[in-house]
């Protein structure tokens, strides 16, 4: 966002906002009109890196690289925010907010450093769990897509660059698009029901994450778009994870592997075609809705 856009902002929420999950949405709701996010940008962000936060937040995001602010005194940091946002009247933070050099200042110090309104959002729980980016990462690393998506309030999605693969899939198995998902966090090794978005079109797909145990043993992330002929591989795509189908496994032959992939495709197609989860903010439980 251009710097002159800061002049009209009257309320900000401050944080890293990696994942833009249900808990973050509570901060956004408290902003009111003319609100924005101040994103302390860390190179460790791997759930919603870069400007994907703005996509999910649906309000302006202003990025402050962590290295430029982490050594500021707390009062200098708030002074910077007040100078950058001259119309600022409200600051919203989470219950565990800390800032300044060595995180030596916390939410209570804000009241002495800022003469406007301070709103502190308590810990938000969903399904009996505190909603935190660290919990979502843990679920993804365990392959628990269902719980990760529940805390996110949406399907976990990554933007990937399409890269060259082995070539075995198209010749002897099923054609796949091989992906580089840097800097996103990859879920646990295994096979997943997914949706693949190419341009303006979204397709049902089945995706593999892990070491190719039945061929060259190398780590890969690849997706097969079901019932579609992809004549020209796109430069990039978006992959959304719906559910985990099975563990990674080694097969004695490509014939056995192809038979298993056919079964995986049937499961993924059922998951993608029969229903989808609406994860609305006001739902007590995610609902299965017929398309």
C-alpha atoms as a PDB file:
ATOM      1  CA  UNK A   1       0.000   0.000   0.000  1.00  0.00           C
ATOM      2  CA  UNK A   2       1.299   3.516  -0.759  1.00  0.00           C
ATOM      3  CA  UNK A   3       2.414   5.619   2.200  1.00  0.00           C
ATOM      4  CA  UNK A   4      -0.293   8.247   1.595  1.00  0.00           C
ATOM      5  CA  UNK A   5      -2.906   5.539   2.273  1.00  0.00           C
ATOM      6  CA  UNK A   6      -1.774   5.591   5.916  1.00  0.00           C
ATOM      7  CA  UNK A   7      -3.162   9.098   6.415  1.00  0.00           C
ATOM      8  CA  UNK A   8      -6.796   7.960   6.497  1.00  0.00           C
ATOM      9  CA  UNK A   9      -6.268   4.947   8.778  1.00  0.00           C
ATOM     10  CA  UNK A  10      -7.937   5.461  12.158  1.00  0.00           C
ATOM     11  CA  UNK A  11      -7.421   2.018  13.722  1.00  0.00           C
ATOM     12  CA  UNK A  12      -4.657  -0.576  13.482  1.00  0.00           C
ATOM     13  CA  UNK A  13      -4.112  -4.087  14.741  1.00  0.00           C
ATOM     14  CA  UNK A  14      -0.464  -5.003  15.270  1.00  0.00           C
ATOM     15  CA  UNK A  15       1.050  -8.476  14.931  1.00  0.00           C
ATOM     16  CA  UNK A  16       2.701 -10.946  12.583  1.00  0.00           C
ATOM     17  CA  UNK A  17      -0.647 -12.344  11.361  1.00  0.00           C
ATOM     18  CA  UNK A  18       0.881 -15.448   9.817  1.00  0.00           C
ATOM     19  CA  UNK A  19      -2.022 -17.671   8.836  1.00  0.00           C
ATOM     20  CA  UNK A  20      -4.727 -15.010   9.156  1.00  0.00           C
ATOM     21  CA  UNK A  21      -6.715 -17.467  11.267  1.00  0.00           C
ATOM     22  CA  UNK A  22      -9.907 -17.255  13.336  1.00  0.00           C
ATOM     23  CA  UNK A  23      -8.090 -15.591  16.235  1.00  0.00           C
ATOM     24  CA  UNK A  24      -6.707 -12.869  13.972  1.00  0.00           C
ATOM     25  CA  UNK A  25     -10.205 -12.265  12.651  1.00  0.00           C
ATOM     26  CA  UNK A  26     -11.266 -11.201  16.148  1.00  0.00           C
ATOM     27  CA  UNK A  27      -8.673  -8.424  16.068  1.00  0.00           C
ATOM     28  CA  UNK A  28      -9.876  -7.342  12.638  1.00  0.00           C
ATOM     29  CA  UNK A  29     -13.497  -7.224  13.846  1.00  0.00           C
ATOM     30  CA  UNK A  30     -12.497  -4.842  16.656  1.00  0.00           C
ATOM     31  CA  UNK A  31     -10.965  -2.286  14.285  1.00  0.00           C
ATOM     32  CA  UNK A  32     -14.179  -0.696  13.081  1.00  0.00           C
ATOM     33  CA  UNK A  33     -14.124   1.672  10.116  1.00  0.00           C
ATOM     34  CA  UNK A  34     -10.915   2.824   8.401  1.00  0.00           C
ATOM     35  CA  UNK A  35      -8.931  -0.030   9.935  1.00  0.00           C
ATOM     36  CA  UNK A  36      -5.715  -1.675   8.776  1.00  0.00           C
ATOM     37  CA  UNK A  37      -3.171  -4.259   9.856  1.00  0.00           C
ATOM     38  CA  UNK A  38       0.390  -3.432  10.823  1.00  0.00           C
ATOM     39  CA  UNK A  39       2.189  -6.624   9.892  1.00  0.00           C
ATOM     40  CA  UNK A  40       5.548  -7.217  11.543  1.00  0.00           C
ATOM     41  CA  UNK A  41       7.036  -9.173   8.679  1.00  0.00           C
ATOM     42  CA  UNK A  42       9.214 -12.096   9.737  1.00  0.00           C
ATOM     43  CA  UNK A  43      11.147 -14.296   7.293  1.00  0.00           C
ATOM     44  CA  UNK A  44       9.720 -17.243   9.272  1.00  0.00           C
ATOM     45  CA  UNK A  45       6.175 -16.562   8.034  1.00  0.00           C
ATOM     46  CA  UNK A  46       5.190 -19.701   6.132  1.00  0.00           C
ATOM     47  CA  UNK A  47       1.401 -20.040   6.384  1.00  0.00           C
ATOM     48  CA  UNK A  48       0.500 -16.804   4.590  1.00  0.00           C
ATOM     49  CA  UNK A  49       3.807 -15.347   3.443  1.00  0.00           C
ATOM     50  CA  UNK A  50       4.109 -11.903   1.908  1.00  0.00           C
ATOM     51  CA  UNK A  51       0.895 -10.180   0.834  1.00  0.00           C
ATOM     52  CA  UNK A  52      -1.417 -13.173   1.039  1.00  0.00           C
ATOM     53  CA  UNK A  53      -2.392 -11.778   4.435  1.00  0.00           C
ATOM     54  CA  UNK A  54      -4.079  -8.874   2.686  1.00  0.00           C
ATOM     55  CA  UNK A  55      -6.086 -11.314   0.565  1.00  0.00           C
ATOM     56  CA  UNK A  56      -7.586 -12.984   3.629  1.00  0.00           C
ATOM     57  CA  UNK A  57      -7.805  -9.891   5.851  1.00  0.00           C
ATOM     58  CA  UNK A  58      -9.725  -7.930   3.204  1.00  0.00           C
ATOM     59  CA  UNK A  59      -8.400  -4.674   4.653  1.00  0.00           C
ATOM     60  CA  UNK A  60      -5.171  -2.774   3.953  1.00  0.00           C
ATOM     61  CA  UNK A  61      -1.955  -4.268   5.322  1.00  0.00           C
ATOM     62  CA  UNK A  62       1.190  -2.259   5.983  1.00  0.00           C
ATOM     63  CA  UNK A  63       4.379  -4.267   6.333  1.00  0.00           C
ATOM     64  CA  UNK A  64       7.234  -3.479   8.718  1.00  0.00           C
ATOM     65  CA  UNK A  65      10.213  -5.848   8.363  1.00  0.00           C
ATOM     66  CA  UNK A  66      11.067  -7.362  11.739  1.00  0.00           C
ATOM     67  CA  UNK A  67      14.747  -6.463  11.379  1.00  0.00           C
ATOM     68  CA  UNK A  68      13.883  -2.757  11.127  1.00  0.00           C
ATOM     69  CA  UNK A  69      11.818  -2.585  14.325  1.00  0.00           C
ATOM     70  CA  UNK A  70      12.980  -5.385  16.645  1.00  0.00           C
ATOM     71  CA  UNK A  71      15.725  -3.301  18.254  1.00  0.00           C
ATOM     72  CA  UNK A  72      13.640  -0.150  18.774  1.00  0.00           C
ATOM     73  CA  UNK A  73      12.663   0.867  22.270  1.00  0.00           C
ATOM     74  CA  UNK A  74       8.960   0.421  22.880  1.00  0.00           C
ATOM     75  CA  UNK A  75       8.281   4.147  23.003  1.00  0.00           C
ATOM     76  CA  UNK A  76      10.222   4.676  19.762  1.00  0.00           C
ATOM     77  CA  UNK A  77       8.186   1.958  18.059  1.00  0.00           C
ATOM     78  CA  UNK A  78       4.847   3.474  19.089  1.00  0.00           C
ATOM     79  CA  UNK A  79       6.182   6.910  18.130  1.00  0.00           C
ATOM     80  CA  UNK A  80       6.937   5.533  14.668  1.00  0.00           C
ATOM     81  CA  UNK A  81       3.400   4.167  14.365  1.00  0.00           C
ATOM     82  CA  UNK A  82       1.876   7.500  15.439  1.00  0.00           C
ATOM     83  CA  UNK A  83       3.967   9.412  12.912  1.00  0.00           C
ATOM     84  CA  UNK A  84       3.141   6.988  10.104  1.00  0.00           C
ATOM     85  CA  UNK A  85      -0.601   7.033  10.891  1.00  0.00           C
ATOM     86  CA  UNK A  86      -1.424  10.657  11.813  1.00  0.00           C
ATOM     87  CA  UNK A  87      -5.196   9.982  12.093  1.00  0.00           C
ATOM     88  CA  UNK A  88      -4.769   6.992  14.401  1.00  0.00           C
ATOM     89  CA  UNK A  89      -7.317   6.759  17.210  1.00  0.00           C
ATOM     90  CA  UNK A  90      -7.340   3.054  18.125  1.00  0.00           C
ATOM     91  CA  UNK A  91      -4.791   0.256  18.536  1.00  0.00           C
ATOM     92  CA  UNK A  92      -5.914  -3.372  18.760  1.00  0.00           C
ATOM     93  CA  UNK A  93      -3.595  -6.125  20.006  1.00  0.00           C
ATOM     94  CA  UNK A  94      -3.830  -9.678  21.251  1.00  0.00           C
ATOM     95  CA  UNK A  95      -3.581 -10.685  24.906  1.00  0.00           C
ATOM     96  CA  UNK A  96       0.026 -11.909  24.445  1.00  0.00           C
ATOM     97  CA  UNK A  97       1.305  -8.896  22.504  1.00  0.00           C
ATOM     98  CA  UNK A  98       4.899  -7.836  23.224  1.00  0.00           C
ATOM     99  CA  UNK A  99       7.018  -5.319  21.354  1.00  0.00           C
ATOM    100  CA  UNK A 100      10.254  -3.362  21.386  1.00  0.00           C
ATOM    101  CA  UNK A 101      13.821  -4.485  21.968  1.00  0.00           C
ATOM    102  CA  UNK A 102      13.960  -7.937  23.579  1.00  0.00           C
ATOM    103  CA  UNK A 103      10.137  -7.757  23.680  1.00  0.00           C
ATOM    104  CA  UNK A 104      10.530  -5.653  26.776  1.00  0.00           C
ATOM    105  CA  UNK A 105       7.172  -3.871  26.415  1.00  0.00           C
ATOM    106  CA  UNK A 106       3.723  -5.424  26.497  1.00  0.00           C
ATOM    107  CA  UNK A 107       0.046  -4.546  26.047  1.00  0.00           C
ATOM    108  CA  UNK A 108      -0.119  -2.637  29.335  1.00  0.00           C
ATOM    109  CA  UNK A 109       2.670  -0.272  28.286  1.00  0.00           C
ATOM    110  CA  UNK A 110       0.573   0.789  25.308  1.00  0.00           C
ATOM    111  CA  UNK A 111      -1.754   2.745  27.589  1.00  0.00           C
ATOM    112  CA  UNK A 112       1.036   5.051  28.681  1.00  0.00           C
ATOM    113  CA  UNK A 113       2.531   5.389  25.193  1.00  0.00           C
ATOM    114  CA  UNK A 114      -0.638   6.008  23.179  1.00  0.00           C
ATOM    115  CA  UNK A 115      -3.327   8.532  24.099  1.00  0.00           C
ATOM    116  CA  UNK A 116      -6.054   6.938  21.976  1.00  0.00           C
ATOM    117  CA  UNK A 117      -8.137   3.819  22.570  1.00  0.00           C
ATOM    118  CA  UNK A 118      -6.413   0.521  23.353  1.00  0.00           C
ATOM    119  CA  UNK A 119      -8.355  -2.724  22.766  1.00  0.00           C
ATOM    120  CA  UNK A 120      -6.865  -5.971  24.043  1.00  0.00           C
ATOM    121  CA  UNK A 121      -8.411  -9.108  22.563  1.00  0.00           C
ATOM    122  CA  UNK A 122      -8.419 -12.135  24.903  1.00  0.00           C
ATOM    123  CA  UNK A 123      -7.280 -15.568  23.752  1.00  0.00           C
ATOM    124  CA  UNK A 124      -9.739 -16.991  21.247  1.00  0.00           C
ATOM    125  CA  UNK A 125     -10.611 -20.680  21.453  1.00  0.00           C
ATOM    126  CA  UNK A 126     -12.292 -22.890  18.875  1.00  0.00           C
ATOM    127  CA  UNK A 127     -13.132 -26.570  19.265  1.00  0.00           C
ATOM    128  CA  UNK A 128     -11.785 -26.246  22.799  1.00  0.00           C
ATOM    129  CA  UNK A 129      -8.327 -25.155  21.574  1.00  0.00           C
ATOM    130  CA  UNK A 130      -6.561 -21.814  21.678  1.00  0.00           C
ATOM    131  CA  UNK A 131      -6.191 -20.606  18.097  1.00  0.00           C
ATOM    132  CA  UNK A 132      -2.534 -19.886  17.370  1.00  0.00           C
ATOM    133  CA  UNK A 133      -0.327 -20.049  14.293  1.00  0.00           C
ATOM    134  CA  UNK A 134       1.969 -22.433  16.161  1.00  0.00           C
ATOM    135  CA  UNK A 135      -0.915 -24.883  16.685  1.00  0.00           C
ATOM    136  CA  UNK A 136      -1.823 -24.734  13.004  1.00  0.00           C
ATOM    137  CA  UNK A 137       1.781 -25.440  12.032  1.00  0.00           C
ATOM    138  CA  UNK A 138       1.856 -28.401  14.400  1.00  0.00           C
ATOM    139  CA  UNK A 139      -1.330 -29.864  12.920  1.00  0.00           C
ATOM    140  CA  UNK A 140       0.011 -29.448   9.381  1.00  0.00           C
ATOM    141  CA  UNK A 141       3.287 -31.112  10.314  1.00  0.00           C
ATOM    142  CA  UNK A 142       1.274 -33.984  11.770  1.00  0.00           C
ATOM    143  CA  UNK A 143      -0.827 -34.234   8.618  1.00  0.00           C
ATOM    144  CA  UNK A 144      -3.965 -33.256  10.513  1.00  0.00           C
ATOM    145  CA  UNK A 145      -5.471 -31.105   7.766  1.00  0.00           C
ATOM    146  CA  UNK A 146      -8.928 -31.217   9.314  1.00  0.00           C
ATOM    147  CA  UNK A 147      -7.870 -29.520  12.558  1.00  0.00           C
ATOM    148  CA  UNK A 148      -5.528 -27.095  10.780  1.00  0.00           C
ATOM    149  CA  UNK A 149      -8.380 -25.987   8.519  1.00  0.00           C
ATOM    150  CA  UNK A 150     -10.744 -25.686  11.469  1.00  0.00           C
ATOM    151  CA  UNK A 151      -8.414 -23.249  13.227  1.00  0.00           C
ATOM    152  CA  UNK A 152      -7.687 -21.340  10.024  1.00  0.00           C
ATOM    153  CA  UNK A 153     -11.377 -21.023   9.200  1.00  0.00           C
ATOM    154  CA  UNK A 154     -10.636 -22.051   5.605  1.00  0.00           C
ATOM    155  CA  UNK A 155      -8.686 -24.622   3.618  1.00  0.00           C
ATOM    156  CA  UNK A 156      -4.917 -24.353   3.949  1.00  0.00           C
ATOM    157  CA  UNK A 157      -3.704 -23.097   0.574  1.00  0.00           C
ATOM    158  CA  UNK A 158      -0.317 -22.502  -0.967  1.00  0.00           C
ATOM    159  CA  UNK A 159       0.858 -20.691  -4.064  1.00  0.00           C
ATOM    160  CA  UNK A 160       3.338 -22.836  -5.941  1.00  0.00           C
ATOM    161  CA  UNK A 161       5.722 -22.552  -8.869  1.00  0.00           C
ATOM    162  CA  UNK A 162       5.462 -25.414 -11.372  1.00  0.00           C
ATOM    163  CA  UNK A 163       8.817 -27.087 -11.977  1.00  0.00           C
ATOM    164  CA  UNK A 164      10.176 -30.001 -14.024  1.00  0.00           C
ATOM    165  CA  UNK A 165       9.612 -33.507 -12.652  1.00  0.00           C
ATOM    166  CA  UNK A 166      10.755 -37.053 -13.396  1.00  0.00           C
ATOM    167  CA  UNK A 167       8.447 -37.541 -16.354  1.00  0.00           C
ATOM    168  CA  UNK A 168       7.444 -41.003 -15.111  1.00  0.00           C
ATOM    169  CA  UNK A 169       3.938 -39.930 -14.163  1.00  0.00           C
ATOM    170  CA  UNK A 170       2.830 -38.950 -17.639  1.00  0.00           C
ATOM    171  CA  UNK A 171       4.423 -41.992 -19.266  1.00  0.00           C
ATOM    172  CA  UNK A 172       3.573 -44.806 -16.850  1.00  0.00           C
ATOM    173  CA  UNK A 173       1.328 -43.565 -14.021  1.00  0.00           C
ATOM    174  CA  UNK A 174      -0.781 -40.395 -13.989  1.00  0.00           C
ATOM    175  CA  UNK A 175       0.433 -36.988 -15.171  1.00  0.00           C
ATOM    176  CA  UNK A 176       1.360 -34.619 -12.382  1.00  0.00           C
ATOM    177  CA  UNK A 177       2.451 -31.038 -11.964  1.00  0.00           C
ATOM    178  CA  UNK A 178       5.576 -30.868  -9.806  1.00  0.00           C
ATOM    179  CA  UNK A 179       5.704 -27.951  -7.417  1.00  0.00           C
ATOM    180  CA  UNK A 180       8.100 -25.682  -5.594  1.00  0.00           C
ATOM    181  CA  UNK A 181       6.131 -24.279  -2.636  1.00  0.00           C
ATOM    182  CA  UNK A 182       8.870 -22.129  -1.089  1.00  0.00           C
ATOM    183  CA  UNK A 183       8.396 -20.416   1.404  1.00  0.00           C
ATOM    184  CA  UNK A 184       5.186 -22.207   2.491  1.00  0.00           C
ATOM    185  CA  UNK A 185       5.085 -24.898   5.152  1.00  0.00           C
ATOM    186  CA  UNK A 186       4.555 -28.339   3.619  1.00  0.00           C
ATOM    187  CA  UNK A 187       2.186 -30.682   5.455  1.00  0.00           C
ATOM    188  CA  UNK A 188       3.347 -34.121   6.595  1.00  0.00           C
ATOM    189  CA  UNK A 189       4.377 -36.672   4.001  1.00  0.00           C
ATOM    190  CA  UNK A 190       1.428 -38.457   2.455  1.00  0.00           C
ATOM    191  CA  UNK A 191      -1.331 -38.260  -0.130  1.00  0.00           C
ATOM    192  CA  UNK A 192      -4.028 -35.580   0.072  1.00  0.00           C
ATOM    193  CA  UNK A 193      -7.363 -34.696  -1.458  1.00  0.00           C
ATOM    194  CA  UNK A 194      -6.857 -31.188  -2.780  1.00  0.00           C
ATOM    195  CA  UNK A 195      -8.200 -28.482  -5.066  1.00  0.00           C
ATOM    196  CA  UNK A 196      -5.912 -27.033  -7.710  1.00  0.00           C
ATOM    197  CA  UNK A 197      -6.594 -23.544  -9.020  1.00  0.00           C
ATOM    198  CA  UNK A 198      -5.041 -22.672 -12.373  1.00  0.00           C
ATOM    199  CA  UNK A 199      -5.858 -19.184 -13.525  1.00  0.00           C
ATOM    200  CA  UNK A 200      -9.574 -18.671 -12.961  1.00  0.00           C
ATOM    201  CA  UNK A 201     -10.412 -22.392 -12.910  1.00  0.00           C
ATOM    202  CA  UNK A 202     -10.464 -24.703  -9.875  1.00  0.00           C
ATOM    203  CA  UNK A 203     -10.168 -28.465 -10.313  1.00  0.00           C
ATOM    204  CA  UNK A 204     -10.482 -31.481  -8.057  1.00  0.00           C
ATOM    205  CA  UNK A 205      -7.035 -33.006  -7.547  1.00  0.00           C
ATOM    206  CA  UNK A 206      -4.978 -35.509  -5.606  1.00  0.00           C
ATOM    207  CA  UNK A 207      -1.572 -34.435  -4.325  1.00  0.00           C
ATOM    208  CA  UNK A 208       1.543 -36.163  -3.040  1.00  0.00           C
ATOM    209  CA  UNK A 209       3.987 -34.770  -0.489  1.00  0.00           C
ATOM    210  CA  UNK A 210       7.142 -36.677   0.416  1.00  0.00           C
ATOM    211  CA  UNK A 211       9.991 -38.868  -0.767  1.00  0.00           C
ATOM    212  CA  UNK A 212       9.201 -40.899  -3.893  1.00  0.00           C
ATOM    213  CA  UNK A 213       9.897 -44.238  -2.238  1.00  0.00           C
ATOM    214  CA  UNK A 214       8.890 -46.341  -5.242  1.00  0.00           C
ATOM    215  CA  UNK A 215      11.102 -44.534  -7.769  1.00  0.00           C
ATOM    216  CA  UNK A 216      14.081 -42.258  -7.141  1.00  0.00           C
ATOM    217  CA  UNK A 217      13.596 -41.625  -3.399  1.00  0.00           C
ATOM    218  CA  UNK A 218      13.738 -37.843  -3.842  1.00  0.00           C
ATOM    219  CA  UNK A 219      11.445 -35.441  -2.015  1.00  0.00           C
ATOM    220  CA  UNK A 220       8.726 -33.904  -4.136  1.00  0.00           C
ATOM    221  CA  UNK A 221       5.378 -32.177  -4.007  1.00  0.00           C
ATOM    222  CA  UNK A 222       3.138 -32.899  -6.982  1.00  0.00           C
ATOM    223  CA  UNK A 223      -0.510 -32.774  -7.920  1.00  0.00           C
ATOM    224  CA  UNK A 224      -2.654 -34.696 -10.388  1.00  0.00           C
ATOM    225  CA  UNK A 225      -5.610 -32.753 -11.734  1.00  0.00           C
ATOM    226  CA  UNK A 226      -8.504 -35.205 -11.955  1.00  0.00           C
ATOM    227  CA  UNK A 227     -10.494 -35.632 -15.189  1.00  0.00           C
ATOM    228  CA  UNK A 228      -8.697 -32.776 -16.925  1.00  0.00           C
ATOM    229  CA  UNK A 229      -6.086 -32.650 -19.656  1.00  0.00           C
ATOM    230  CA  UNK A 230      -3.487 -30.003 -18.830  1.00  0.00           C
ATOM    231  CA  UNK A 231      -1.867 -29.556 -22.219  1.00  0.00           C
ATOM    232  CA  UNK A 232       0.469 -26.740 -21.230  1.00  0.00           C
ATOM    233  CA  UNK A 233       1.843 -26.635 -17.699  1.00  0.00           C
ATOM    234  CA  UNK A 234       1.149 -23.278 -16.023  1.00  0.00           C
ATOM    235  CA  UNK A 235       3.938 -21.274 -14.463  1.00  0.00           C
ATOM    236  CA  UNK A 236       2.174 -21.259 -11.100  1.00  0.00           C
ATOM    237  CA  UNK A 237      -0.954 -22.511  -9.373  1.00  0.00           C
ATOM    238  CA  UNK A 238      -2.747 -22.508  -6.055  1.00  0.00           C
ATOM    239  CA  UNK A 239      -3.184 -25.743  -4.096  1.00  0.00           C
ATOM    240  CA  UNK A 240      -5.809 -26.103  -1.346  1.00  0.00           C
ATOM    241  CA  UNK A 241      -5.662 -29.060   1.055  1.00  0.00           C
ATOM    242  CA  UNK A 242      -8.981 -30.736   1.918  1.00  0.00           C
ATOM    243  CA  UNK A 243      -8.069 -33.949   3.754  1.00  0.00           C
ATOM    244  CA  UNK A 244      -5.277 -36.475   4.156  1.00  0.00           C
ATOM    245  CA  UNK A 245      -5.936 -39.779   2.372  1.00  0.00           C
ATOM    246  CA  UNK A 246      -3.034 -41.973   3.449  1.00  0.00           C
ATOM    247  CA  UNK A 247       0.603 -42.219   4.533  1.00  0.00           C
ATOM    248  CA  UNK A 248       3.463 -42.264   2.090  1.00  0.00           C
ATOM    249  CA  UNK A 249       4.265 -45.855   1.122  1.00  0.00           C
ATOM    250  CA  UNK A 250       6.655 -47.901  -1.006  1.00  0.00           C
ATOM    251  CA  UNK A 251       5.340 -50.216  -3.741  1.00  0.00           C
ATOM    252  CA  UNK A 252       7.131 -53.128  -5.391  1.00  0.00           C
ATOM    253  CA  UNK A 253       6.221 -52.099  -8.913  1.00  0.00           C
ATOM    254  CA  UNK A 254       4.836 -49.197 -10.895  1.00  0.00           C
ATOM    255  CA  UNK A 255       1.786 -51.352 -11.615  1.00  0.00           C
ATOM    256  CA  UNK A 256       1.021 -51.576  -7.893  1.00  0.00           C
ATOM    257  CA  UNK A 257       1.671 -47.865  -7.465  1.00  0.00           C
ATOM    258  CA  UNK A 258      -0.658 -47.004 -10.358  1.00  0.00           C
ATOM    259  CA  UNK A 259      -3.433 -49.127  -8.867  1.00  0.00           C
ATOM    260  CA  UNK A 260      -3.054 -47.342  -5.531  1.00  0.00           C
ATOM    261  CA  UNK A 261      -3.079 -43.931  -7.206  1.00  0.00           C
ATOM    262  CA  UNK A 262      -6.355 -44.899  -8.917  1.00  0.00           C
ATOM    263  CA  UNK A 263      -7.840 -45.611  -5.492  1.00  0.00           C
ATOM    264  CA  UNK A 264      -6.457 -42.301  -4.181  1.00  0.00           C
ATOM    265  CA  UNK A 265      -8.056 -40.461  -7.098  1.00  0.00           C
ATOM    266  CA  UNK A 266     -11.447 -42.009  -6.341  1.00  0.00           C
ATOM    267  CA  UNK A 267     -11.250 -40.874  -2.709  1.00  0.00           C
ATOM    268  CA  UNK A 268     -10.035 -37.394  -3.619  1.00  0.00           C
ATOM    269  CA  UNK A 269     -12.739 -37.015  -6.259  1.00  0.00           C
ATOM    270  CA  UNK A 270     -15.390 -37.990  -3.733  1.00  0.00           C
ATOM    271  CA  UNK A 271     -14.025 -35.467  -1.215  1.00  0.00           C
ATOM    272  CA  UNK A 272     -13.882 -32.708  -3.797  1.00  0.00           C
ATOM    273  CA  UNK A 273     -17.120 -33.374  -5.689  1.00  0.00           C
ATOM    274  CA  UNK A 274     -19.586 -34.546  -3.048  1.00  0.00           C
ATOM    275  CA  UNK A 275     -19.220 -31.833  -0.453  1.00  0.00           C
ATOM    276  CA  UNK A 276     -17.103 -29.086   0.948  1.00  0.00           C
ATOM    277  CA  UNK A 277     -16.608 -27.543   4.385  1.00  0.00           C
ATOM    278  CA  UNK A 278     -17.914 -24.053   4.997  1.00  0.00           C
ATOM    279  CA  UNK A 279     -15.901 -22.665   7.826  1.00  0.00           C
ATOM    280  CA  UNK A 280     -17.842 -19.535   8.617  1.00  0.00           C
ATOM    281  CA  UNK A 281     -16.752 -17.454  11.567  1.00  0.00           C
ATOM    282  CA  UNK A 282     -20.101 -17.886  13.348  1.00  0.00           C
ATOM    283  CA  UNK A 283     -20.300 -21.668  12.950  1.00  0.00           C
ATOM    284  CA  UNK A 284     -19.936 -23.762  16.086  1.00  0.00           C
ATOM    285  CA  UNK A 285     -19.016 -26.677  13.843  1.00  0.00           C
ATOM    286  CA  UNK A 286     -17.930 -26.734  10.230  1.00  0.00           C
ATOM    287  CA  UNK A 287     -20.922 -27.768   8.135  1.00  0.00           C
ATOM    288  CA  UNK A 288     -20.898 -30.221   5.249  1.00  0.00           C
ATOM    289  CA  UNK A 289     -22.849 -28.580   2.448  1.00  0.00           C
ATOM    290  CA  UNK A 290     -23.974 -30.238  -0.752  1.00  0.00           C
ATOM    291  CA  UNK A 291     -22.840 -28.478  -3.897  1.00  0.00           C
END
